[in-house]
Amino acid sequence: MLILLEALAAHTQQWRHGYDLMKETGLLSGTLYPLLIRMTDQGLVEAEWREPEQPGRPARHAYRLTNAGVAFARTATFAGPMTFTKSAFA
């Protein structure tokens, strides 16, 4: 989730399409879209349908961080990567 937060936080007010996020993060669609849905449900990301830029193309979802998402991204990425030890799961 951190790589997705970093990608969205790079331009907080810019609407991003899932395909662009897949290319930037390297996440596959089966990982990316469930994360975006979960983050939207948690209020970290907002999603909306965007009209096509070219006639005849379908509408697409676009995503961006909410204010809560921006604050969360700052704390999550500032804290650094999470590490787990075997004892944490004992």
C-alpha atoms as a PDB file:
ATOM      1  CA  MET A   1       0.000   0.000   0.000  1.00  0.00           C
ATOM      2  CA  LEU A   2       2.916   2.364   0.642  1.00  0.00           C
ATOM      3  CA  ILE A   3       3.989   2.446  -3.000  1.00  0.00           C
ATOM      4  CA  LEU A   4       0.438   3.386  -3.987  1.00  0.00           C
ATOM      5  CA  LEU A   5       0.297   6.090  -1.298  1.00  0.00           C
ATOM      6  CA  GLU A   6       3.594   7.510  -2.543  1.00  0.00           C
ATOM      7  CA  ALA A   7       2.355   7.577  -6.142  1.00  0.00           C
ATOM      8  CA  LEU A   8      -0.891   9.327  -5.195  1.00  0.00           C
ATOM      9  CA  ALA A   9       0.852  11.693  -2.767  1.00  0.00           C
ATOM     10  CA  ALA A  10       3.300  12.907  -5.419  1.00  0.00           C
ATOM     11  CA  HIS A  11       0.509  15.050  -6.914  1.00  0.00           C
ATOM     12  CA  THR A  12      -2.246  15.191  -4.326  1.00  0.00           C
ATOM     13  CA  GLN A  13      -4.764  17.241  -6.311  1.00  0.00           C
ATOM     14  CA  GLN A  14      -4.243  15.444  -9.614  1.00  0.00           C
ATOM     15  CA  TRP A  15      -6.794  12.824 -10.654  1.00  0.00           C
ATOM     16  CA  ARG A  16      -5.046   9.569 -11.604  1.00  0.00           C
ATOM     17  CA  HIS A  17      -6.336   6.663 -13.693  1.00  0.00           C
ATOM     18  CA  GLY A  18      -5.781   3.124 -12.492  1.00  0.00           C
ATOM     19  CA  TYR A  19      -3.796   2.163 -15.587  1.00  0.00           C
ATOM     20  CA  ASP A  20      -1.363   5.020 -14.981  1.00  0.00           C
ATOM     21  CA  LEU A  21      -0.993   3.972 -11.346  1.00  0.00           C
ATOM     22  CA  MET A  22      -0.326   0.381 -12.452  1.00  0.00           C
ATOM     23  CA  LYS A  23       2.458   1.537 -14.766  1.00  0.00           C
ATOM     24  CA  GLU A  24       4.010   3.791 -12.119  1.00  0.00           C
ATOM     25  CA  THR A  25       3.841   1.392  -9.188  1.00  0.00           C
ATOM     26  CA  GLY A  26       4.268  -1.948 -10.921  1.00  0.00           C
ATOM     27  CA  LEU A  27       1.196  -3.272  -9.089  1.00  0.00           C
ATOM     28  CA  LEU A  28      -1.023  -5.665 -11.006  1.00  0.00           C
ATOM     29  CA  SER A  29      -4.716  -4.901 -11.448  1.00  0.00           C
ATOM     30  CA  GLY A  30      -5.693  -7.682  -9.027  1.00  0.00           C
ATOM     31  CA  THR A  31      -3.723  -5.882  -6.317  1.00  0.00           C
ATOM     32  CA  LEU A  32      -4.197  -2.240  -7.296  1.00  0.00           C
ATOM     33  CA  TYR A  33      -7.967  -2.066  -7.650  1.00  0.00           C
ATOM     34  CA  PRO A  34      -8.800  -3.868  -4.376  1.00  0.00           C
ATOM     35  CA  LEU A  35      -6.384  -1.485  -2.615  1.00  0.00           C
ATOM     36  CA  LEU A  36      -8.054   1.544  -4.221  1.00  0.00           C
ATOM     37  CA  ILE A  37     -11.506   0.249  -3.245  1.00  0.00           C
ATOM     38  CA  ARG A  38     -10.387  -0.395   0.344  1.00  0.00           C
ATOM     39  CA  MET A  39      -8.709   3.013   0.584  1.00  0.00           C
ATOM     40  CA  THR A  40     -11.860   4.661  -0.812  1.00  0.00           C
ATOM     41  CA  ASP A  41     -14.003   2.849   1.770  1.00  0.00           C
ATOM     42  CA  GLN A  42     -11.633   4.090   4.501  1.00  0.00           C
ATOM     43  CA  GLY A  43     -11.911   7.686   3.290  1.00  0.00           C
ATOM     44  CA  LEU A  44      -8.275   7.939   2.178  1.00  0.00           C
ATOM     45  CA  VAL A  45      -9.011   8.083  -1.557  1.00  0.00           C
ATOM     46  CA  GLU A  46     -11.838   9.605  -3.541  1.00  0.00           C
ATOM     47  CA  ALA A  47     -12.941   8.149  -6.854  1.00  0.00           C
ATOM     48  CA  GLU A  48     -15.083   9.538  -9.620  1.00  0.00           C
ATOM     49  CA  TRP A  49     -16.074   8.714 -13.161  1.00  0.00           C
ATOM     50  CA  ARG A  50     -14.252  10.886 -15.675  1.00  0.00           C
ATOM     51  CA  GLU A  51     -15.619  11.572 -19.125  1.00  0.00           C
ATOM     52  CA  PRO A  52     -13.418  10.309 -21.958  1.00  0.00           C
ATOM     53  CA  GLU A  53     -10.894  12.672 -23.470  1.00  0.00           C
ATOM     54  CA  GLN A  54     -11.604  11.272 -26.939  1.00  0.00           C
ATOM     55  CA  PRO A  55     -15.097  10.682 -28.347  1.00  0.00           C
ATOM     56  CA  GLY A  56     -16.100   7.041 -28.521  1.00  0.00           C
ATOM     57  CA  ARG A  57     -13.932   6.000 -25.565  1.00  0.00           C
ATOM     58  CA  PRO A  58     -15.555   4.745 -22.346  1.00  0.00           C
ATOM     59  CA  ALA A  59     -15.679   6.766 -19.140  1.00  0.00           C
ATOM     60  CA  ARG A  60     -12.991   5.778 -16.619  1.00  0.00           C
ATOM     61  CA  HIS A  61     -12.567   5.945 -12.875  1.00  0.00           C
ATOM     62  CA  ALA A  62     -10.036   8.446 -11.577  1.00  0.00           C
ATOM     63  CA  TYR A  63      -8.563   8.532  -8.093  1.00  0.00           C
ATOM     64  CA  ARG A  64      -6.888  11.025  -5.789  1.00  0.00           C
ATOM     65  CA  LEU A  65      -6.115  11.305  -2.098  1.00  0.00           C
ATOM     66  CA  THR A  66      -8.546  12.998   0.249  1.00  0.00           C
ATOM     67  CA  ASN A  67      -7.254  15.378   2.928  1.00  0.00           C
ATOM     68  CA  ALA A  68      -7.263  12.444   5.341  1.00  0.00           C
ATOM     69  CA  GLY A  69      -5.356  10.410   2.759  1.00  0.00           C
ATOM     70  CA  VAL A  70      -2.724  13.119   2.364  1.00  0.00           C
ATOM     71  CA  ALA A  71      -2.235  13.259   6.139  1.00  0.00           C
ATOM     72  CA  PHE A  72      -2.054   9.466   6.341  1.00  0.00           C
ATOM     73  CA  ALA A  73       0.429   9.309   3.455  1.00  0.00           C
ATOM     74  CA  ARG A  74       2.682  11.828   5.188  1.00  0.00           C
ATOM     75  CA  THR A  75       2.776   9.837   8.418  1.00  0.00           C
ATOM     76  CA  ALA A  76       2.994   6.428   6.742  1.00  0.00           C
ATOM     77  CA  THR A  77       5.801   7.308   4.343  1.00  0.00           C
ATOM     78  CA  PHE A  78       7.663   9.406   6.918  1.00  0.00           C
ATOM     79  CA  ALA A  79       7.650   6.500   9.365  1.00  0.00           C
ATOM     80  CA  GLY A  80       9.611   4.415   6.866  1.00  0.00           C
ATOM     81  CA  PRO A  81       9.088   0.801   5.883  1.00  0.00           C
ATOM     82  CA  MET A  82       7.437  -1.510   8.343  1.00  0.00           C
ATOM     83  CA  THR A  83       9.442  -4.461   9.549  1.00  0.00           C
ATOM     84  CA  PHE A  84       8.071  -7.512  11.262  1.00  0.00           C
ATOM     85  CA  THR A  85       9.912 -10.024  13.366  1.00  0.00           C
ATOM     86  CA  LYS A  86       8.983 -13.607  13.993  1.00  0.00           C
ATOM     87  CA  SER A  87       8.180 -12.752  17.615  1.00  0.00           C
ATOM     88  CA  ALA A  88       5.539 -10.239  16.497  1.00  0.00           C
ATOM     89  CA  PHE A  89       3.426 -13.160  15.266  1.00  0.00           C
ATOM     90  CA  ALA A  90       3.988 -15.474  18.261  1.00  0.00           C
END
